[in-house]
mmCIF file of all heavy atoms, coordinates in Angstrom:
data_MODEL
# 
_entry.id   MODEL 
# 
loop_
_atom_site.group_PDB 
_atom_site.id 
_atom_site.type_symbol 
_atom_site.label_atom_id 
_atom_site.label_alt_id 
_atom_site.label_comp_id 
_atom_site.label_asym_id 
_atom_site.label_entity_id 
_atom_site.label_seq_id 
_atom_site.pdbx_PDB_ins_code 
_atom_site.Cartn_x 
_atom_site.Cartn_y 
_atom_site.Cartn_z 
_atom_site.occupancy 
_atom_site.B_iso_or_equiv 
_atom_site.pdbx_formal_charge 
_atom_site.auth_seq_id 
_atom_site.auth_comp_id 
_atom_site.auth_asym_id 
_atom_site.auth_atom_id 
_atom_site.pdbx_PDB_model_num 
ATOM 1   N N   . ASN A 1 1  ? -17.246 3.333   0.279   1.00 0.00 ? 1  ASN A N   1 
ATOM 2   C CA  . ASN A 1 1  ? -18.424 3.055   1.104   1.00 0.00 ? 1  ASN A CA  1 
ATOM 3   C C   . ASN A 1 1  ? -18.368 3.945   2.351   1.00 0.00 ? 1  ASN A C   1 
ATOM 4   O O   . ASN A 1 1  ? -17.496 3.789   3.199   1.00 0.00 ? 1  ASN A O   1 
ATOM 5   C CB  . ASN A 1 1  ? -18.438 1.575   1.496   1.00 0.00 ? 1  ASN A CB  1 
ATOM 6   C CG  . ASN A 1 1  ? -19.734 1.191   2.213   1.00 0.00 ? 1  ASN A CG  1 
ATOM 7   O OD1 . ASN A 1 1  ? -20.476 2.050   2.689   1.00 0.00 ? 1  ASN A OD1 1 
ATOM 8   N ND2 . ASN A 1 1  ? -19.984 -0.110  2.292   1.00 0.00 ? 1  ASN A ND2 1 
ATOM 9   N N   . GLN A 1 2  ? -19.325 4.885   2.478   1.00 0.00 ? 2  GLN A N   1 
ATOM 10  C CA  . GLN A 1 2  ? -19.296 5.840   3.591   1.00 0.00 ? 2  GLN A CA  1 
ATOM 11  C C   . GLN A 1 2  ? -19.424 5.160   4.951   1.00 0.00 ? 2  GLN A C   1 
ATOM 12  O O   . GLN A 1 2  ? -18.985 5.708   5.965   1.00 0.00 ? 2  GLN A O   1 
ATOM 13  C CB  . GLN A 1 2  ? -20.417 6.868   3.419   1.00 0.00 ? 2  GLN A CB  1 
ATOM 14  C CG  . GLN A 1 2  ? -20.180 7.820   2.244   1.00 0.00 ? 2  GLN A CG  1 
ATOM 15  C CD  . GLN A 1 2  ? -21.215 8.929   2.201   1.00 0.00 ? 2  GLN A CD  1 
ATOM 16  O OE1 . GLN A 1 2  ? -22.283 8.806   2.770   1.00 0.00 ? 2  GLN A OE1 1 
ATOM 17  N NE2 . GLN A 1 2  ? -20.888 10.007  1.499   1.00 0.00 ? 2  GLN A NE2 1 
ATOM 18  N N   . LYS A 1 3  ? -19.994 3.965   4.995   1.00 0.00 ? 3  LYS A N   1 
ATOM 19  C CA  . LYS A 1 3  ? -20.139 3.244   6.263   1.00 0.00 ? 3  LYS A CA  1 
ATOM 20  C C   . LYS A 1 3  ? -18.783 2.888   6.866   1.00 0.00 ? 3  LYS A C   1 
ATOM 21  O O   . LYS A 1 3  ? -18.669 2.601   8.054   1.00 0.00 ? 3  LYS A O   1 
ATOM 22  C CB  . LYS A 1 3  ? -20.938 1.952   6.039   1.00 0.00 ? 3  LYS A CB  1 
ATOM 23  C CG  . LYS A 1 3  ? -22.406 2.213   5.812   1.00 0.00 ? 3  LYS A CG  1 
ATOM 24  C CD  . LYS A 1 3  ? -23.255 0.987   5.514   1.00 0.00 ? 3  LYS A CD  1 
ATOM 25  C CE  . LYS A 1 3  ? -22.653 -0.329  5.799   1.00 0.00 ? 3  LYS A CE  1 
ATOM 26  N NZ  . LYS A 1 3  ? -23.562 -1.446  5.437   1.00 0.00 ? 3  LYS A NZ  1 
ATOM 27  N N   . ASN A 1 4  ? -17.730 2.904   6.024   1.00 0.00 ? 4  ASN A N   1 
ATOM 28  C CA  . ASN A 1 4  ? -16.409 2.485   6.507   1.00 0.00 ? 4  ASN A CA  1 
ATOM 29  C C   . ASN A 1 4  ? -15.531 3.646   6.976   1.00 0.00 ? 4  ASN A C   1 
ATOM 30  O O   . ASN A 1 4  ? -14.348 3.448   7.249   1.00 0.00 ? 4  ASN A O   1 
ATOM 31  C CB  . ASN A 1 4  ? -15.677 1.726   5.396   1.00 0.00 ? 4  ASN A CB  1 
ATOM 32  C CG  . ASN A 1 4  ? -16.393 0.447   5.005   1.00 0.00 ? 4  ASN A CG  1 
ATOM 33  O OD1 . ASN A 1 4  ? -16.982 -0.227  5.850   1.00 0.00 ? 4  ASN A OD1 1 
ATOM 34  N ND2 . ASN A 1 4  ? -16.358 0.113   3.729   1.00 0.00 ? 4  ASN A ND2 1 
ATOM 35  N N   . GLU A 1 5  ? -16.120 4.855   7.063   1.00 0.00 ? 5  GLU A N   1 
ATOM 36  C CA  . GLU A 1 5  ? -15.301 6.030   7.392   1.00 0.00 ? 5  GLU A CA  1 
ATOM 37  C C   . GLU A 1 5  ? -14.608 5.907   8.740   1.00 0.00 ? 5  GLU A C   1 
ATOM 38  O O   . GLU A 1 5  ? -13.446 6.275   8.892   1.00 0.00 ? 5  GLU A O   1 
ATOM 39  C CB  . GLU A 1 5  ? -16.173 7.295   7.368   1.00 0.00 ? 5  GLU A CB  1 
ATOM 40  C CG  . GLU A 1 5  ? -16.440 7.806   5.963   1.00 0.00 ? 5  GLU A CG  1 
ATOM 41  C CD  . GLU A 1 5  ? -17.235 9.102   5.966   1.00 0.00 ? 5  GLU A CD  1 
ATOM 42  O OE1 . GLU A 1 5  ? -17.449 9.651   7.068   1.00 0.00 ? 5  GLU A OE1 1 
ATOM 43  O OE2 . GLU A 1 5  ? -17.634 9.553   4.882   1.00 0.00 ? 5  GLU A OE2 1 
ATOM 44  N N   . ALA A 1 6  ? -15.322 5.368   9.743   1.00 0.00 ? 6  ALA A N   1 
ATOM 45  C CA  . ALA A 1 6  ? -14.744 5.259   11.085  1.00 0.00 ? 6  ALA A CA  1 
ATOM 46  C C   . ALA A 1 6  ? -13.534 4.339   11.082  1.00 0.00 ? 6  ALA A C   1 
ATOM 47  O O   . ALA A 1 6  ? -12.492 4.641   11.673  1.00 0.00 ? 6  ALA A O   1 
ATOM 48  C CB  . ALA A 1 6  ? -15.792 4.744   12.064  1.00 0.00 ? 6  ALA A CB  1 
ATOM 49  N N   . LEU A 1 7  ? -13.675 3.214   10.401  1.00 0.00 ? 7  LEU A N   1 
ATOM 50  C CA  . LEU A 1 7  ? -12.570 2.261   10.344  1.00 0.00 ? 7  LEU A CA  1 
ATOM 51  C C   . LEU A 1 7  ? -11.424 2.801   9.491   1.00 0.00 ? 7  LEU A C   1 
ATOM 52  O O   . LEU A 1 7  ? -10.245 2.641   9.828   1.00 0.00 ? 7  LEU A O   1 
ATOM 53  C CB  . LEU A 1 7  ? -13.066 0.924   9.773   1.00 0.00 ? 7  LEU A CB  1 
ATOM 54  C CG  . LEU A 1 7  ? -12.110 -0.265  9.885   1.00 0.00 ? 7  LEU A CG  1 
ATOM 55  C CD1 . LEU A 1 7  ? -11.746 -0.545  11.330  1.00 0.00 ? 7  LEU A CD1 1 
ATOM 56  C CD2 . LEU A 1 7  ? -12.711 -1.506  9.252   1.00 0.00 ? 7  LEU A CD2 1 
ATOM 57  N N   . GLN A 1 8  ? -11.792 3.483   8.405   1.00 0.00 ? 8  GLN A N   1 
ATOM 58  C CA  . GLN A 1 8  ? -10.774 4.046   7.521   1.00 0.00 ? 8  GLN A CA  1 
ATOM 59  C C   . GLN A 1 8  ? -9.905  5.062   8.256   1.00 0.00 ? 8  GLN A C   1 
ATOM 60  O O   . GLN A 1 8  ? -8.691  5.132   8.062   1.00 0.00 ? 8  GLN A O   1 
ATOM 61  C CB  . GLN A 1 8  ? -11.456 4.701   6.320   1.00 0.00 ? 8  GLN A CB  1 
ATOM 62  C CG  . GLN A 1 8  ? -10.488 5.254   5.290   1.00 0.00 ? 8  GLN A CG  1 
ATOM 63  C CD  . GLN A 1 8  ? -11.187 6.123   4.262   1.00 0.00 ? 8  GLN A CD  1 
ATOM 64  O OE1 . GLN A 1 8  ? -12.393 6.027   4.087   1.00 0.00 ? 8  GLN A OE1 1 
ATOM 65  N NE2 . GLN A 1 8  ? -10.443 6.977   3.597   1.00 0.00 ? 8  GLN A NE2 1 
ATOM 66  N N   . SER A 1 9  ? -10.526 5.844   9.129   1.00 0.00 ? 9  SER A N   1 
ATOM 67  C CA  . SER A 1 9  ? -9.776  6.864   9.879   1.00 0.00 ? 9  SER A CA  1 
ATOM 68  C C   . SER A 1 9  ? -8.829  6.242   10.882  1.00 0.00 ? 9  SER A C   1 
ATOM 69  O O   . SER A 1 9  ? -7.957  6.931   11.419  1.00 0.00 ? 9  SER A O   1 
ATOM 70  C CB  . SER A 1 9  ? -10.747 7.807   10.593  1.00 0.00 ? 9  SER A CB  1 
ATOM 71  O OG  . SER A 1 9  ? -11.428 7.118   11.635  1.00 0.00 ? 9  SER A OG  1 
ATOM 72  N N   . ARG A 1 10 ? -8.995  4.963   11.162  1.00 0.00 ? 10 ARG A N   1 
ATOM 73  C CA  . ARG A 1 10 ? -8.124  4.280   12.127  1.00 0.00 ? 10 ARG A CA  1 
ATOM 74  C C   . ARG A 1 10 ? -7.077  3.404   11.432  1.00 0.00 ? 10 ARG A C   1 
ATOM 75  O O   . ARG A 1 10 ? -6.570  2.451   11.997  1.00 0.00 ? 10 ARG A O   1 
ATOM 76  C CB  . ARG A 1 10 ? -8.957  3.449   13.093  1.00 0.00 ? 10 ARG A CB  1 
ATOM 77  C CG  . ARG A 1 10 ? -9.700  4.307   14.104  1.00 0.00 ? 10 ARG A CG  1 
ATOM 78  C CD  . ARG A 1 10 ? -10.738 3.505   14.871  1.00 0.00 ? 10 ARG A CD  1 
ATOM 79  N NE  . ARG A 1 10 ? -11.335 4.284   15.944  1.00 0.00 ? 10 ARG A NE  1 
ATOM 80  C CZ  . ARG A 1 10 ? -12.313 5.166   15.799  1.00 0.00 ? 10 ARG A CZ  1 
ATOM 81  N NH1 . ARG A 1 10 ? -12.794 5.417   14.577  1.00 0.00 ? 10 ARG A NH1 1 
ATOM 82  N NH2 . ARG A 1 10 ? -12.803 5.827   16.828  1.00 0.00 ? 10 ARG A NH2 1 
ATOM 83  N N   . MET A 1 11 ? -6.820  3.725   10.163  1.00 0.00 ? 11 MET A N   1 
ATOM 84  C CA  . MET A 1 11 ? -5.814  2.982   9.396   1.00 0.00 ? 11 MET A CA  1 
ATOM 85  C C   . MET A 1 11 ? -4.672  3.901   8.959   1.00 0.00 ? 11 MET A C   1 
ATOM 86  O O   . MET A 1 11 ? -4.884  5.074   8.672   1.00 0.00 ? 11 MET A O   1 
ATOM 87  C CB  . MET A 1 11 ? -6.433  2.386   8.112   1.00 0.00 ? 11 MET A CB  1 
ATOM 88  C CG  . MET A 1 11 ? -7.382  1.263   8.322   1.00 0.00 ? 11 MET A CG  1 
ATOM 89  S SD  . MET A 1 11 ? -7.992  0.721   6.696   1.00 0.00 ? 11 MET A SD  1 
ATOM 90  C CE  . MET A 1 11 ? -9.194  -0.508  7.203   1.00 0.00 ? 11 MET A CE  1 
ATOM 91  N N   . ILE A 1 12 ? -3.499  3.357   8.928   1.00 0.00 ? 12 ILE A N   1 
ATOM 92  C CA  . ILE A 1 12 ? -2.365  3.983   8.243   1.00 0.00 ? 12 ILE A CA  1 
ATOM 93  C C   . ILE A 1 12 ? -2.125  3.138   6.998   1.00 0.00 ? 12 ILE A C   1 
ATOM 94  O O   . ILE A 1 12 ? -1.749  1.962   7.107   1.00 0.00 ? 12 ILE A O   1 
ATOM 95  C CB  . ILE A 1 12 ? -1.101  3.983   9.115   1.00 0.00 ? 12 ILE A CB  1 
ATOM 96  C CG1 . ILE A 1 12 ? -1.295  4.847   10.351  1.00 0.00 ? 12 ILE A CG1 1 
ATOM 97  C CG2 . ILE A 1 12 ? 0.106   4.446   8.308   1.00 0.00 ? 12 ILE A CG2 1 
ATOM 98  C CD1 . ILE A 1 12 ? -1.246  6.329   10.107  1.00 0.00 ? 12 ILE A CD1 1 
ATOM 99  N N   . VAL A 1 13 ? -2.414  3.697   5.830   1.00 0.00 ? 13 VAL A N   1 
ATOM 100 C CA  . VAL A 1 13 ? -2.286  2.932   4.585   1.00 0.00 ? 13 VAL A CA  1 
ATOM 101 C C   . VAL A 1 13 ? -0.892  3.167   3.999   1.00 0.00 ? 13 VAL A C   1 
ATOM 102 O O   . VAL A 1 13 ? -0.494  4.313   3.755   1.00 0.00 ? 13 VAL A O   1 
ATOM 103 C CB  . VAL A 1 13 ? -3.373  3.335   3.565   1.00 0.00 ? 13 VAL A CB  1 
ATOM 104 C CG1 . VAL A 1 13 ? -3.211  2.540   2.273   1.00 0.00 ? 13 VAL A CG1 1 
ATOM 105 C CG2 . VAL A 1 13 ? -4.752  3.096   4.161   1.00 0.00 ? 13 VAL A CG2 1 
ATOM 106 N N   . MET A 1 14 ? -0.166  2.092   3.806   1.00 0.00 ? 14 MET A N   1 
ATOM 107 C CA  . MET A 1 14 ? 1.196   2.174   3.283   1.00 0.00 ? 14 MET A CA  1 
ATOM 108 C C   . MET A 1 14 ? 1.250   1.467   1.931   1.00 0.00 ? 14 MET A C   1 
ATOM 109 O O   . MET A 1 14 ? 1.162   0.231   1.868   1.00 0.00 ? 14 MET A O   1 
ATOM 110 C CB  . MET A 1 14 ? 2.160   1.513   4.259   1.00 0.00 ? 14 MET A CB  1 
ATOM 111 C CG  . MET A 1 14 ? 3.610   1.870   4.040   1.00 0.00 ? 14 MET A CG  1 
ATOM 112 S SD  . MET A 1 14 ? 3.990   3.610   4.329   1.00 0.00 ? 14 MET A SD  1 
ATOM 113 C CE  . MET A 1 14 ? 3.617   3.785   6.061   1.00 0.00 ? 14 MET A CE  1 
ATOM 114 N N   . PRO A 1 15 ? 1.382   2.220   0.826   1.00 0.00 ? 15 PRO A N   1 
ATOM 115 C CA  . PRO A 1 15 ? 1.474   1.567   -0.488  1.00 0.00 ? 15 PRO A CA  1 
ATOM 116 C C   . PRO A 1 15 ? 2.763   0.735   -0.591  1.00 0.00 ? 15 PRO A C   1 
ATOM 117 O O   . PRO A 1 15 ? 3.835   1.188   -0.182  1.00 0.00 ? 15 PRO A O   1 
ATOM 118 C CB  . PRO A 1 15 ? 1.512   2.745   -1.472  1.00 0.00 ? 15 PRO A CB  1 
ATOM 119 C CG  . PRO A 1 15 ? 1.006   3.920   -0.703  1.00 0.00 ? 15 PRO A CG  1 
ATOM 120 C CD  . PRO A 1 15 ? 1.407   3.688   0.712   1.00 0.00 ? 15 PRO A CD  1 
ATOM 121 N N   . VAL A 1 16 ? 2.623   -0.473  -1.126  1.00 0.00 ? 16 VAL A N   1 
ATOM 122 C CA  . VAL A 1 16 ? 3.787   -1.343  -1.352  1.00 0.00 ? 16 VAL A CA  1 
ATOM 123 C C   . VAL A 1 16 ? 3.816   -1.662  -2.848  1.00 0.00 ? 16 VAL A C   1 
ATOM 124 O O   . VAL A 1 16 ? 3.165   -2.602  -3.311  1.00 0.00 ? 16 VAL A O   1 
ATOM 125 C CB  . VAL A 1 16 ? 3.700   -2.647  -0.526  1.00 0.00 ? 16 VAL A CB  1 
ATOM 126 C CG1 . VAL A 1 16 ? 4.944   -3.506  -0.766  1.00 0.00 ? 16 VAL A CG1 1 
ATOM 127 C CG2 . VAL A 1 16 ? 3.553   -2.330  0.955   1.00 0.00 ? 16 VAL A CG2 1 
ATOM 128 N N   . PRO A 1 17 ? 4.543   -0.866  -3.634  1.00 0.00 ? 17 PRO A N   1 
ATOM 129 C CA  . PRO A 1 17 ? 4.558   -1.071  -5.092  1.00 0.00 ? 17 PRO A CA  1 
ATOM 130 C C   . PRO A 1 17 ? 5.501   -2.204  -5.483  1.00 0.00 ? 17 PRO A C   1 
ATOM 131 O O   . PRO A 1 17 ? 6.225   -2.753  -4.647  1.00 0.00 ? 17 PRO A O   1 
ATOM 132 C CB  . PRO A 1 17 ? 5.086   0.274   -5.610  1.00 0.00 ? 17 PRO A CB  1 
ATOM 133 C CG  . PRO A 1 17 ? 5.997   0.749   -4.511  1.00 0.00 ? 17 PRO A CG  1 
ATOM 134 C CD  . PRO A 1 17 ? 5.398   0.258   -3.221  1.00 0.00 ? 17 PRO A CD  1 
ATOM 135 N N   . TYR A 1 18 ? 5.506   -2.527  -6.751  1.00 0.00 ? 18 TYR A N   1 
ATOM 136 C CA  . TYR A 1 18 ? 6.498   -3.458  -7.284  1.00 0.00 ? 18 TYR A CA  1 
ATOM 137 C C   . TYR A 1 18 ? 7.885   -2.808  -7.254  1.00 0.00 ? 18 TYR A C   1 
ATOM 138 O O   . TYR A 1 18 ? 8.016   -1.578  -7.303  1.00 0.00 ? 18 TYR A O   1 
ATOM 139 C CB  . TYR A 1 18 ? 6.176   -3.819  -8.734  1.00 0.00 ? 18 TYR A CB  1 
ATOM 140 C CG  . TYR A 1 18 ? 5.006   -4.765  -8.920  1.00 0.00 ? 18 TYR A CG  1 
ATOM 141 C CD1 . TYR A 1 18 ? 4.001   -4.470  -9.846  1.00 0.00 ? 18 TYR A CD1 1 
ATOM 142 C CD2 . TYR A 1 18 ? 4.923   -5.957  -8.206  1.00 0.00 ? 18 TYR A CD2 1 
ATOM 143 C CE1 . TYR A 1 18 ? 2.932   -5.341  -10.042 1.00 0.00 ? 18 TYR A CE1 1 
ATOM 144 C CE2 . TYR A 1 18 ? 3.853   -6.822  -8.387  1.00 0.00 ? 18 TYR A CE2 1 
ATOM 145 C CZ  . TYR A 1 18 ? 2.867   -6.516  -9.310  1.00 0.00 ? 18 TYR A CZ  1 
ATOM 146 O OH  . TYR A 1 18 ? 1.817   -7.372  -9.495  1.00 0.00 ? 18 TYR A OH  1 
ATOM 147 N N   . ASN A 1 19 ? 8.895   -3.641  -7.224  1.00 0.00 ? 19 ASN A N   1 
ATOM 148 C CA  . ASN A 1 19 ? 10.272  -3.182  -7.366  1.00 0.00 ? 19 ASN A CA  1 
ATOM 149 C C   . ASN A 1 19 ? 10.471  -2.581  -8.763  1.00 0.00 ? 19 ASN A C   1 
ATOM 150 O O   . ASN A 1 19 ? 9.935   -3.088  -9.745  1.00 0.00 ? 19 ASN A O   1 
ATOM 151 C CB  . ASN A 1 19 ? 11.212  -4.374  -7.150  1.00 0.00 ? 19 ASN A CB  1 
ATOM 152 C CG  . ASN A 1 19 ? 12.566  -4.145  -7.759  1.00 0.00 ? 19 ASN A CG  1 
ATOM 153 O OD1 . ASN A 1 19 ? 13.262  -3.206  -7.424  1.00 0.00 ? 19 ASN A OD1 1 
ATOM 154 N ND2 . ASN A 1 19 ? 12.930  -4.996  -8.708  1.00 0.00 ? 19 ASN A ND2 1 
ATOM 155 N N   . LEU A 1 20 ? 11.260  -1.507  -8.841  1.00 0.00 ? 20 LEU A N   1 
ATOM 156 C CA  . LEU A 1 20 ? 11.491  -0.839  -10.126 1.00 0.00 ? 20 LEU A CA  1 
ATOM 157 C C   . LEU A 1 20 ? 12.964  -0.840  -10.528 1.00 0.00 ? 20 LEU A C   1 
ATOM 158 O O   . LEU A 1 20 ? 13.367  -0.077  -11.403 1.00 0.00 ? 20 LEU A O   1 
ATOM 159 C CB  . LEU A 1 20 ? 10.965  0.602   -10.067 1.00 0.00 ? 20 LEU A CB  1 
ATOM 160 C CG  . LEU A 1 20 ? 9.455   0.755   -9.842  1.00 0.00 ? 20 LEU A CG  1 
ATOM 161 C CD1 . LEU A 1 20 ? 9.074   2.221   -9.712  1.00 0.00 ? 20 LEU A CD1 1 
ATOM 162 C CD2 . LEU A 1 20 ? 8.654   0.090   -10.957 1.00 0.00 ? 20 LEU A CD2 1 
ATOM 163 N N   . LYS A 1 21 ? 13.771  -1.670  -9.878  1.00 0.00 ? 21 LYS A N   1 
ATOM 164 C CA  . LYS A 1 21 ? 15.195  -1.762  -10.218 1.00 0.00 ? 21 LYS A CA  1 
ATOM 165 C C   . LYS A 1 21 ? 15.482  -3.114  -10.855 1.00 0.00 ? 21 LYS A C   1 
ATOM 166 O O   . LYS A 1 21 ? 15.175  -4.160  -10.262 1.00 0.00 ? 21 LYS A O   1 
ATOM 167 C CB  . LYS A 1 21 ? 16.059  -1.589  -8.970  1.00 0.00 ? 21 LYS A CB  1 
ATOM 168 C CG  . LYS A 1 21 ? 15.954  -0.218  -8.333  1.00 0.00 ? 21 LYS A CG  1 
ATOM 169 C CD  . LYS A 1 21 ? 16.814  -0.159  -7.076  1.00 0.00 ? 21 LYS A CD  1 
ATOM 170 C CE  . LYS A 1 21 ? 16.674  1.183   -6.373  1.00 0.00 ? 21 LYS A CE  1 
ATOM 171 N NZ  . LYS A 1 21 ? 17.401  1.193   -5.080  1.00 0.00 ? 21 LYS A NZ  1 
ATOM 172 N N   . VAL A 1 22 ? 16.078  -3.096  -12.038 1.00 0.00 ? 22 VAL A N   1 
ATOM 173 C CA  . VAL A 1 22 ? 16.333  -4.338  -12.781 1.00 0.00 ? 22 VAL A CA  1 
ATOM 174 C C   . VAL A 1 22 ? 17.223  -5.292  -11.982 1.00 0.00 ? 22 VAL A C   1 
ATOM 175 O O   . VAL A 1 22 ? 16.949  -6.488  -11.902 1.00 0.00 ? 22 VAL A O   1 
ATOM 176 C CB  . VAL A 1 22 ? 16.964  -4.025  -14.157 1.00 0.00 ? 22 VAL A CB  1 
ATOM 177 C CG1 . VAL A 1 22 ? 17.435  -5.302  -14.846 1.00 0.00 ? 22 VAL A CG1 1 
ATOM 178 C CG2 . VAL A 1 22 ? 15.959  -3.296  -15.043 1.00 0.00 ? 22 VAL A CG2 1 
ATOM 179 N N   . SER A 1 23 ? 18.295  -4.767  -11.400 1.00 0.00 ? 23 SER A N   1 
ATOM 180 C CA  . SER A 1 23 ? 19.232  -5.639  -10.684 1.00 0.00 ? 23 SER A CA  1 
ATOM 181 C C   . SER A 1 23 ? 18.559  -6.314  -9.492  1.00 0.00 ? 23 SER A C   1 
ATOM 182 O O   . SER A 1 23 ? 18.815  -7.495  -9.205  1.00 0.00 ? 23 SER A O   1 
ATOM 183 C CB  . SER A 1 23 ? 20.454  -4.852  -10.214 1.00 0.00 ? 23 SER A CB  1 
ATOM 184 O OG  . SER A 1 23 ? 20.071  -3.708  -9.497  1.00 0.00 ? 23 SER A OG  1 
ATOM 185 N N   . ASP A 1 24 ? 17.659  -5.585  -8.794  1.00 0.00 ? 24 ASP A N   1 
ATOM 186 C CA  . ASP A 1 24 ? 16.945  -6.193  -7.667  1.00 0.00 ? 24 ASP A CA  1 
ATOM 187 C C   . ASP A 1 24 ? 15.889  -7.190  -8.146  1.00 0.00 ? 24 ASP A C   1 
ATOM 188 O O   . ASP A 1 24 ? 15.634  -8.202  -7.487  1.00 0.00 ? 24 ASP A O   1 
ATOM 189 C CB  . ASP A 1 24 ? 16.295  -5.110  -6.805  1.00 0.00 ? 24 ASP A CB  1 
ATOM 190 C CG  . ASP A 1 24 ? 17.307  -4.380  -5.949  1.00 0.00 ? 24 ASP A CG  1 
ATOM 191 O OD1 . ASP A 1 24 ? 18.234  -5.035  -5.444  1.00 0.00 ? 24 ASP A OD1 1 
ATOM 192 O OD2 . ASP A 1 24 ? 17.195  -3.157  -5.789  1.00 0.00 ? 24 ASP A OD2 1 
ATOM 193 N N   . GLU A 1 25 ? 15.268  -6.906  -9.283  1.00 0.00 ? 25 GLU A N   1 
ATOM 194 C CA  . GLU A 1 25 ? 14.289  -7.852  -9.839  1.00 0.00 ? 25 GLU A CA  1 
ATOM 195 C C   . GLU A 1 25 ? 14.979  -9.166  -10.188 1.00 0.00 ? 25 GLU A C   1 
ATOM 196 O O   . GLU A 1 25 ? 14.441  -10.255 -9.953  1.00 0.00 ? 25 GLU A O   1 
ATOM 197 C CB  . GLU A 1 25 ? 13.626  -7.240  -11.080 1.00 0.00 ? 25 GLU A CB  1 
ATOM 198 C CG  . GLU A 1 25 ? 12.440  -8.021  -11.607 1.00 0.00 ? 25 GLU A CG  1 
ATOM 199 C CD  . GLU A 1 25 ? 11.200  -7.909  -10.731 1.00 0.00 ? 25 GLU A CD  1 
ATOM 200 O OE1 . GLU A 1 25 ? 11.171  -7.061  -9.813  1.00 0.00 ? 25 GLU A OE1 1 
ATOM 201 O OE2 . GLU A 1 25 ? 10.247  -8.679  -10.969 1.00 0.00 ? 25 GLU A OE2 1 
ATOM 202 N N   . GLU A 1 26 ? 16.174  -9.063  -10.722 1.00 0.00 ? 26 GLU A N   1 
ATOM 203 C CA  . GLU A 1 26 ? 16.956  -10.265 -11.037 1.00 0.00 ? 26 GLU A CA  1 
ATOM 204 C C   . GLU A 1 26 ? 17.235  -11.067 -9.766  1.00 0.00 ? 26 GLU A C   1 
ATOM 205 O O   . GLU A 1 26 ? 17.152  -12.300 -9.764  1.00 0.00 ? 26 GLU A O   1 
ATOM 206 C CB  . GLU A 1 26 ? 18.270  -9.853  -11.709 1.00 0.00 ? 26 GLU A CB  1 
ATOM 207 C CG  . GLU A 1 26 ? 19.092  -11.019 -12.223 1.00 0.00 ? 26 GLU A CG  1 
ATOM 208 C CD  . GLU A 1 26 ? 20.379  -10.562 -12.899 1.00 0.00 ? 26 GLU A CD  1 
ATOM 209 O OE1 . GLU A 1 26 ? 20.699  -9.361  -12.874 1.00 0.00 ? 26 GLU A OE1 1 
ATOM 210 O OE2 . GLU A 1 26 ? 21.069  -11.440 -13.462 1.00 0.00 ? 26 GLU A OE2 1 
ATOM 211 N N   . ARG A 1 27 ? 17.545  -10.376 -8.672  1.00 0.00 ? 27 ARG A N   1 
ATOM 212 C CA  . ARG A 1 27 ? 17.795  -11.061 -7.388  1.00 0.00 ? 27 ARG A CA  1 
ATOM 213 C C   . ARG A 1 27 ? 16.534  -11.775 -6.896  1.00 0.00 ? 27 ARG A C   1 
ATOM 214 O O   . ARG A 1 27 ? 16.626  -12.852 -6.305  1.00 0.00 ? 27 ARG A O   1 
ATOM 215 C CB  . ARG A 1 27 ? 18.252  -10.055 -6.333  1.00 0.00 ? 27 ARG A CB  1 
ATOM 216 C CG  . ARG A 1 27 ? 19.648  -9.514  -6.570  1.00 0.00 ? 27 ARG A CG  1 
ATOM 217 C CD  . ARG A 1 27 ? 19.982  -8.426  -5.560  1.00 0.00 ? 27 ARG A CD  1 
ATOM 218 N NE  . ARG A 1 27 ? 20.104  -8.975  -4.213  1.00 0.00 ? 27 ARG A NE  1 
ATOM 219 C CZ  . ARG A 1 27 ? 20.007  -8.246  -3.105  1.00 0.00 ? 27 ARG A CZ  1 
ATOM 220 N NH1 . ARG A 1 27 ? 19.769  -6.935  -3.193  1.00 0.00 ? 27 ARG A NH1 1 
ATOM 221 N NH2 . ARG A 1 27 ? 20.144  -8.802  -1.927  1.00 0.00 ? 27 ARG A NH2 1 
# 
């Protein structure tokens, strides 16, 4: 949505993915 450009420019987007390590998933 182009209306959100001003707000988007004032964000730092940090991706937070799922864990990919079996031993940590077990924990």
